[in-house]
């Protein structure tokens, strides 16, 4: 390649990076506002290792191996060990890694906000999500409404709580039992349900089938369902949360089922996270949530893709 061609490529790349500056300023303000919100609520900010000996063996989440260890797909297991050791309210903003995830809304290396509370359940986290996003919008000077891709999103609580069963019936005209039996749950949700969620208000899609919530507590009166929700804004999934499972026997059974299914599909069967399982009986009733910071910035920046709101995508390295 000639020097002139190299210079042209450099300047083109530099222009792309320079164009991100307003979004990166916005990102910085959002991260600072997140911290101020949780610190004002008495949360402790923690940092846990990126390299761990064993990730949670979830079927559709693939970890990146680094020697004999793995880059964590989320800080979940370590943060729950802190809960079991007496920490009551903790949060973390960290980099996470997942093999093979790349798309308009996905990166293989991304930023997660996770927070956990003892003496809480998934309903408590719904209320906290409402408070936090409204706090962010007010702090940014945007008021009680967002404008995303031509849609007005009203952040004033309460936000709708819609069960998975009702969403499938309302938007896809199918029963939960039928899509589970056909193995088409994910396809139907992505193509026929999710586009309708999260406008004109953010929406909590809740009460997932227990088979799709490997670390969540099941509902007392409906044990086939889990106390899990996902938060949607304008069709975009922003967060995943649940009341925590603390029954170690049940958790081991679920992990074994996930490992067997991964092996059946030709995926790597991860080692068992033994220290997490040893701590689990000591974890009090609690709830936790993971929220995608990159997607959150996407929404506040009114961008269709995640690429403009991160400093570097994989292709730019």
Protein backbone atom coordinates (compact mmCIF):
# COMPACT_ATOMS: atom_id res chain seq x y z
CA UNK A 1 0.00 0.00 0.00
CA UNK A 2 1.35 3.43 -0.93
CA UNK A 3 1.98 6.10 1.74
CA UNK A 4 -0.84 8.16 0.25
CA UNK A 5 -3.30 5.29 0.58
CA UNK A 6 -2.25 4.67 4.18
CA UNK A 7 -2.72 8.35 4.98
CA UNK A 8 -6.19 8.34 3.43
CA UNK A 9 -7.19 5.32 5.51
CA UNK A 10 -5.83 6.93 8.67
CA UNK A 11 -7.74 10.16 8.08
CA UNK A 12 -10.95 8.31 7.26
CA UNK A 13 -10.65 6.29 10.48
CA UNK A 14 -9.85 9.46 12.41
CA UNK A 15 -12.96 11.16 11.05
CA UNK A 16 -15.12 8.23 12.14
CA UNK A 17 -13.65 8.37 15.64
CA UNK A 18 -14.01 12.16 15.83
CA UNK A 19 -17.69 11.89 14.84
CA UNK A 20 -18.32 9.84 17.99
CA UNK A 21 -17.21 12.62 20.34
CA UNK A 22 -20.71 13.99 21.19
CA UNK A 23 -21.94 10.47 21.94
CA UNK A 24 -18.93 9.69 24.11
CA UNK A 25 -19.52 12.89 26.10
CA UNK A 26 -23.12 11.75 26.55
CA UNK A 27 -21.93 8.30 27.58
CA UNK A 28 -19.65 9.79 30.21
CA UNK A 29 -22.49 11.85 31.67
CA UNK A 30 -24.77 8.80 31.75
CA UNK A 31 -22.20 6.67 33.58
CA UNK A 32 -21.62 9.45 36.11
CA UNK A 33 -25.39 9.82 36.63
CA UNK A 34 -25.75 6.06 37.15
CA UNK A 35 -23.09 6.18 39.85
CA UNK A 36 -24.68 9.17 41.56
CA UNK A 37 -28.07 7.43 41.58
CA UNK A 38 -26.82 4.25 43.26
CA UNK A 39 -24.52 6.01 45.70
CA UNK A 40 -27.43 8.21 46.78
CA UNK A 41 -29.44 5.02 47.46
CA UNK A 42 -26.76 3.58 49.76
CA UNK A 43 -25.28 1.08 47.29
CA UNK A 44 -21.64 0.06 47.46
CA UNK A 45 -19.79 0.08 44.14
CA UNK A 46 -17.68 -3.06 43.77
CA UNK A 47 -15.22 -4.50 41.28
CA UNK A 48 -14.93 -8.22 40.70
CA UNK A 49 -12.41 -10.13 38.51
CA UNK A 50 -12.83 -10.33 34.76
CA UNK A 51 -11.05 -13.71 34.70
CA UNK A 52 -12.93 -16.49 36.47
CA UNK A 53 -12.48 -20.28 36.66
CA UNK A 54 -16.03 -21.13 35.57
CA UNK A 55 -18.91 -19.15 34.05
CA UNK A 56 -22.54 -20.02 34.66
CA UNK A 57 -23.34 -22.81 32.16
CA UNK A 58 -26.17 -21.04 30.36
CA UNK A 59 -27.23 -22.58 27.08
CA UNK A 60 -27.18 -19.55 24.79
CA UNK A 61 -24.31 -17.56 26.33
CA UNK A 62 -20.80 -18.57 25.25
CA UNK A 63 -17.78 -17.46 27.27
CA UNK A 64 -14.39 -16.48 25.87
CA UNK A 65 -11.67 -18.81 27.16
CA UNK A 66 -8.37 -17.26 28.26
CA UNK A 67 -5.88 -20.01 29.05
CA UNK A 68 -7.30 -22.11 31.89
CA UNK A 69 -9.74 -19.33 32.83
CA UNK A 70 -12.68 -17.55 31.21
CA UNK A 71 -13.48 -13.89 30.67
CA UNK A 72 -16.70 -13.38 32.56
CA UNK A 73 -19.93 -13.03 30.62
CA UNK A 74 -21.31 -11.08 33.59
CA UNK A 75 -20.13 -10.39 37.16
CA UNK A 76 -23.15 -12.25 38.49
CA UNK A 77 -21.54 -15.21 40.27
CA UNK A 78 -18.96 -13.12 42.12
CA UNK A 79 -21.49 -10.48 43.11
CA UNK A 80 -23.81 -13.13 44.53
CA UNK A 81 -20.93 -14.48 46.62
CA UNK A 82 -20.67 -10.98 48.10
CA UNK A 83 -24.38 -11.08 48.94
CA UNK A 84 -23.82 -14.41 50.68
CA UNK A 85 -21.02 -12.78 52.71
CA UNK A 86 -23.23 -10.03 54.13
CA UNK A 87 -23.25 -7.28 51.49
CA UNK A 88 -26.76 -5.85 51.18
CA UNK A 89 -26.79 -3.40 48.25
CA UNK A 90 -24.06 -3.54 45.59
CA UNK A 91 -23.60 -2.35 42.03
CA UNK A 92 -20.93 -2.59 39.35
CA UNK A 93 -20.25 -1.09 35.91
CA UNK A 94 -17.85 -3.37 34.07
CA UNK A 95 -16.69 -4.84 30.78
CA UNK A 96 -18.09 -8.26 29.88
CA UNK A 97 -17.29 -10.68 27.07
CA UNK A 98 -19.34 -13.14 25.03
CA UNK A 99 -18.14 -15.30 22.18
CA UNK A 100 -19.55 -14.61 18.74
CA UNK A 101 -21.91 -11.75 19.62
CA UNK A 102 -21.82 -9.05 16.94
CA UNK A 103 -24.64 -7.11 15.37
CA UNK A 104 -26.31 -3.72 15.38
CA UNK A 105 -27.20 -4.21 19.05
CA UNK A 106 -24.43 -6.61 20.11
CA UNK A 107 -20.69 -6.49 20.76
CA UNK A 108 -18.39 -9.33 21.88
CA UNK A 109 -16.97 -6.90 24.48
CA UNK A 110 -19.54 -4.64 26.08
CA UNK A 111 -20.40 -2.72 29.25
CA UNK A 112 -22.89 -3.98 31.82
CA UNK A 113 -24.42 -2.34 34.84
CA UNK A 114 -25.40 -4.92 37.44
CA UNK A 115 -26.96 -4.31 40.82
CA UNK A 116 -28.21 -6.57 43.61
CA UNK A 117 -30.33 -6.03 46.70
CA UNK A 118 -31.07 -8.31 49.60
CA UNK A 119 -34.59 -8.54 51.03
CA UNK A 120 -35.93 -7.75 47.55
CA UNK A 121 -37.60 -9.47 44.61
CA UNK A 122 -37.99 -8.73 40.91
CA UNK A 123 -40.87 -6.34 41.55
CA UNK A 124 -38.57 -4.17 43.67
CA UNK A 125 -36.16 -3.94 40.74
CA UNK A 126 -38.93 -2.84 38.39
CA UNK A 127 -39.56 0.15 40.65
CA UNK A 128 -35.84 0.89 40.82
CA UNK A 129 -35.52 0.78 37.02
CA UNK A 130 -38.29 3.35 36.74
CA UNK A 131 -36.57 5.61 39.26
CA UNK A 132 -33.11 5.26 37.72
CA UNK A 133 -34.03 5.95 34.10
CA UNK A 134 -36.13 8.93 35.07
CA UNK A 135 -33.20 10.18 37.19
CA UNK A 136 -30.87 9.82 34.19
CA UNK A 137 -33.22 11.69 31.87
CA UNK A 138 -33.75 14.51 34.34
CA UNK A 139 -30.01 14.76 35.08
CA UNK A 140 -29.30 15.03 31.34
CA UNK A 141 -31.85 17.83 31.06
CA UNK A 142 -34.20 15.79 28.87
CA UNK A 143 -37.22 15.87 31.15
CA UNK A 144 -39.70 13.00 31.48
CA UNK A 145 -39.74 11.96 27.82
CA UNK A 146 -37.25 10.47 25.38
CA UNK A 147 -37.30 10.69 21.59
CA UNK A 148 -35.97 7.51 20.01
CA UNK A 149 -36.15 6.72 16.30
CA UNK A 150 -39.23 8.85 15.76
CA UNK A 151 -41.04 7.57 18.85
CA UNK A 152 -41.87 9.46 22.01
CA UNK A 153 -41.07 7.38 25.12
CA UNK A 154 -42.84 8.50 28.28
CA UNK A 155 -40.64 7.69 31.31
CA UNK A 156 -43.16 8.66 33.95
CA UNK A 157 -43.96 5.66 36.19
CA UNK A 158 -45.62 3.30 36.45
CA UNK A 159 -44.54 1.39 33.36
CA UNK A 160 -46.59 -1.53 32.01
CA UNK A 161 -45.94 -5.03 33.43
CA UNK A 162 -46.82 -7.58 30.75
CA UNK A 163 -46.48 -11.33 31.24
CA UNK A 164 -44.81 -13.46 28.57
CA UNK A 165 -48.00 -15.52 28.32
CA UNK A 166 -50.14 -12.43 27.65
CA UNK A 167 -47.59 -10.92 25.24
CA UNK A 168 -47.53 -14.07 23.11
CA UNK A 169 -51.31 -14.16 23.00
CA UNK A 170 -51.70 -10.44 22.31
CA UNK A 171 -49.04 -9.96 19.64
CA UNK A 172 -48.44 -13.42 18.15
CA UNK A 173 -51.75 -15.17 18.78
CA UNK A 174 -50.04 -18.26 20.19
CA UNK A 175 -49.88 -20.03 23.55
CA UNK A 176 -46.70 -20.23 25.59
CA UNK A 177 -46.98 -24.01 25.85
CA UNK A 178 -47.19 -24.35 22.06
CA UNK A 179 -44.08 -22.29 21.23
CA UNK A 180 -42.09 -24.10 23.92
CA UNK A 181 -43.14 -27.48 22.56
CA UNK A 182 -42.27 -26.40 19.00
CA UNK A 183 -38.90 -24.98 20.07
CA UNK A 184 -39.83 -21.63 18.48
CA UNK A 185 -39.99 -19.43 21.57
CA UNK A 186 -37.00 -17.22 20.69
CA UNK A 187 -38.01 -16.84 17.04
CA UNK A 188 -41.57 -15.84 17.87
CA UNK A 189 -40.47 -13.43 20.56
CA UNK A 190 -37.90 -11.68 18.37
CA UNK A 191 -40.00 -11.42 15.20
CA UNK A 192 -43.56 -11.04 16.47
CA UNK A 193 -43.52 -9.78 20.06
CA UNK A 194 -40.47 -7.64 20.81
CA UNK A 195 -41.14 -5.02 18.08
CA UNK A 196 -44.36 -4.09 19.93
CA UNK A 197 -42.77 -3.66 23.37
CA UNK A 198 -41.55 -0.52 25.07
CA UNK A 199 -43.56 2.29 23.46
CA UNK A 200 -45.13 4.68 24.30
CA UNK A 201 -43.76 3.66 27.72
CA UNK A 202 -40.94 1.29 28.64
CA UNK A 203 -42.34 -2.19 29.28
CA UNK A 204 -41.45 -4.93 31.73
CA UNK A 205 -41.94 -8.32 30.08
CA UNK A 206 -42.21 -10.67 33.05
CA UNK A 207 -42.90 -14.19 34.30
CA UNK A 208 -40.77 -16.19 31.86
CA UNK A 209 -41.03 -19.98 31.63
CA UNK A 210 -38.84 -21.54 34.33
CA UNK A 211 -36.94 -23.53 31.70
CA UNK A 212 -35.58 -20.21 30.35
CA UNK A 213 -34.39 -18.80 33.67
CA UNK A 214 -31.53 -20.95 34.91
CA UNK A 215 -30.69 -18.83 37.98
CA UNK A 216 -34.10 -17.40 38.84
CA UNK A 217 -36.55 -18.31 41.59
CA UNK A 218 -39.85 -19.78 40.43
CA UNK A 219 -43.24 -18.33 41.35
CA UNK A 220 -44.75 -19.92 44.43
CA UNK A 221 -48.22 -20.47 42.96
CA UNK A 222 -47.07 -21.05 39.37
CA UNK A 223 -43.84 -23.05 39.58
CA UNK A 224 -43.73 -23.46 35.80
CA UNK A 225 -42.93 -19.72 35.63
CA UNK A 226 -39.93 -17.79 36.96
CA UNK A 227 -39.80 -14.43 38.69
CA UNK A 228 -37.86 -12.91 35.80
CA UNK A 229 -38.37 -9.83 33.67
CA UNK A 230 -36.75 -8.09 30.73
CA UNK A 231 -37.04 -4.35 30.21
CA UNK A 232 -37.85 -3.06 26.70
CA UNK A 233 -37.74 0.44 25.25
CA UNK A 234 -38.97 0.95 21.67
CA UNK A 235 -38.55 -2.75 20.85
CA UNK A 236 -35.01 -2.92 22.24
CA UNK A 237 -34.24 -5.24 25.15
CA UNK A 238 -32.31 -3.23 27.74
CA UNK A 239 -32.13 -5.31 30.93
CA UNK A 240 -32.64 -8.79 32.35
CA UNK A 241 -33.58 -9.32 36.01
CA UNK A 242 -34.92 -11.89 38.43
CA UNK A 243 -35.54 -12.88 41.99
CA UNK A 244 -32.55 -15.02 42.89
CA UNK A 245 -32.68 -18.77 43.30
CA UNK A 246 -31.07 -19.75 46.62
CA UNK A 247 -31.86 -23.48 46.65
CA UNK A 248 -28.45 -25.06 45.98
CA UNK A 249 -29.87 -28.49 45.13
CA UNK A 250 -32.17 -27.00 42.52
CA UNK A 251 -29.39 -24.77 41.19
CA UNK A 252 -27.04 -27.75 40.74
CA UNK A 253 -29.80 -29.62 38.92
CA UNK A 254 -30.38 -26.71 36.56
CA UNK A 255 -26.67 -26.24 35.89
CA UNK A 256 -26.34 -29.94 35.08
CA UNK A 257 -29.28 -29.72 32.69
CA UNK A 258 -27.71 -26.71 30.96
CA UNK A 259 -24.35 -28.50 30.66
CA UNK A 260 -26.01 -31.57 29.17
CA UNK A 261 -27.89 -29.45 26.65
CA UNK A 262 -24.74 -27.55 25.71
CA UNK A 263 -22.95 -30.84 25.09
CA UNK A 264 -25.85 -32.11 23.03
CA UNK A 265 -25.58 -29.02 20.81
CA UNK A 266 -21.81 -29.41 20.46
CA UNK A 267 -21.01 -26.48 22.73
CA UNK A 268 -18.29 -26.43 25.38
CA UNK A 269 -19.47 -27.83 28.72
CA UNK A 270 -18.00 -25.46 31.29
CA UNK A 271 -16.59 -26.52 34.67
CA UNK A 272 -18.95 -26.27 37.61
CA UNK A 273 -18.70 -22.94 39.53
CA UNK A 274 -18.10 -24.72 42.83
CA UNK A 275 -17.32 -21.71 45.04
CA UNK A 276 -20.53 -20.02 43.94
CA UNK A 277 -22.49 -23.17 44.75
CA UNK A 278 -20.79 -23.43 48.16
CA UNK A 279 -21.85 -19.84 48.95
CA UNK A 280 -25.39 -20.14 47.63
CA UNK A 281 -27.01 -21.60 50.80
CA UNK A 282 -25.86 -18.49 52.68
CA UNK A 283 -27.33 -16.00 50.22
CA UNK A 284 -30.42 -14.25 51.60
CA UNK A 285 -33.56 -13.52 49.64
CA UNK A 286 -32.45 -11.09 46.98
CA UNK A 287 -32.85 -9.86 43.43
CA UNK A 288 -30.42 -8.78 40.73
CA UNK A 289 -30.41 -7.15 37.33
CA UNK A 290 -28.04 -6.68 34.39
CA UNK A 291 -28.57 -3.61 32.20
CA UNK A 292 -26.70 -2.95 28.95
CA UNK A 293 -24.96 0.41 29.21
CA UNK A 294 -24.12 0.55 25.49
CA UNK A 295 -27.77 0.07 24.56
CA UNK A 296 -28.82 2.62 27.17
CA UNK A 297 -26.53 5.20 25.55
CA UNK A 298 -27.90 4.18 22.13
CA UNK A 299 -31.37 5.10 23.29
CA UNK A 300 -30.43 8.43 24.86
CA UNK A 301 -28.30 9.28 21.79
CA UNK A 302 -31.13 8.25 19.42
CA UNK A 303 -28.88 5.90 17.42
CA UNK A 304 -30.06 2.78 15.55
CA UNK A 305 -26.74 0.99 16.06
CA UNK A 306 -24.45 0.44 19.01
CA UNK A 307 -21.36 1.37 16.96
CA UNK A 308 -21.51 5.19 17.29
CA UNK A 309 -21.74 5.12 21.12
CA UNK A 310 -18.60 3.07 21.83
CA UNK A 311 -15.07 4.40 21.29
CA UNK A 312 -13.95 1.40 19.22
CA UNK A 313 -15.83 -1.47 17.65
CA UNK A 314 -13.93 -4.71 16.93
CA UNK A 315 -13.58 -3.71 13.29
CA UNK A 316 -11.88 -0.44 14.22
CA UNK A 317 -9.05 -2.00 16.20
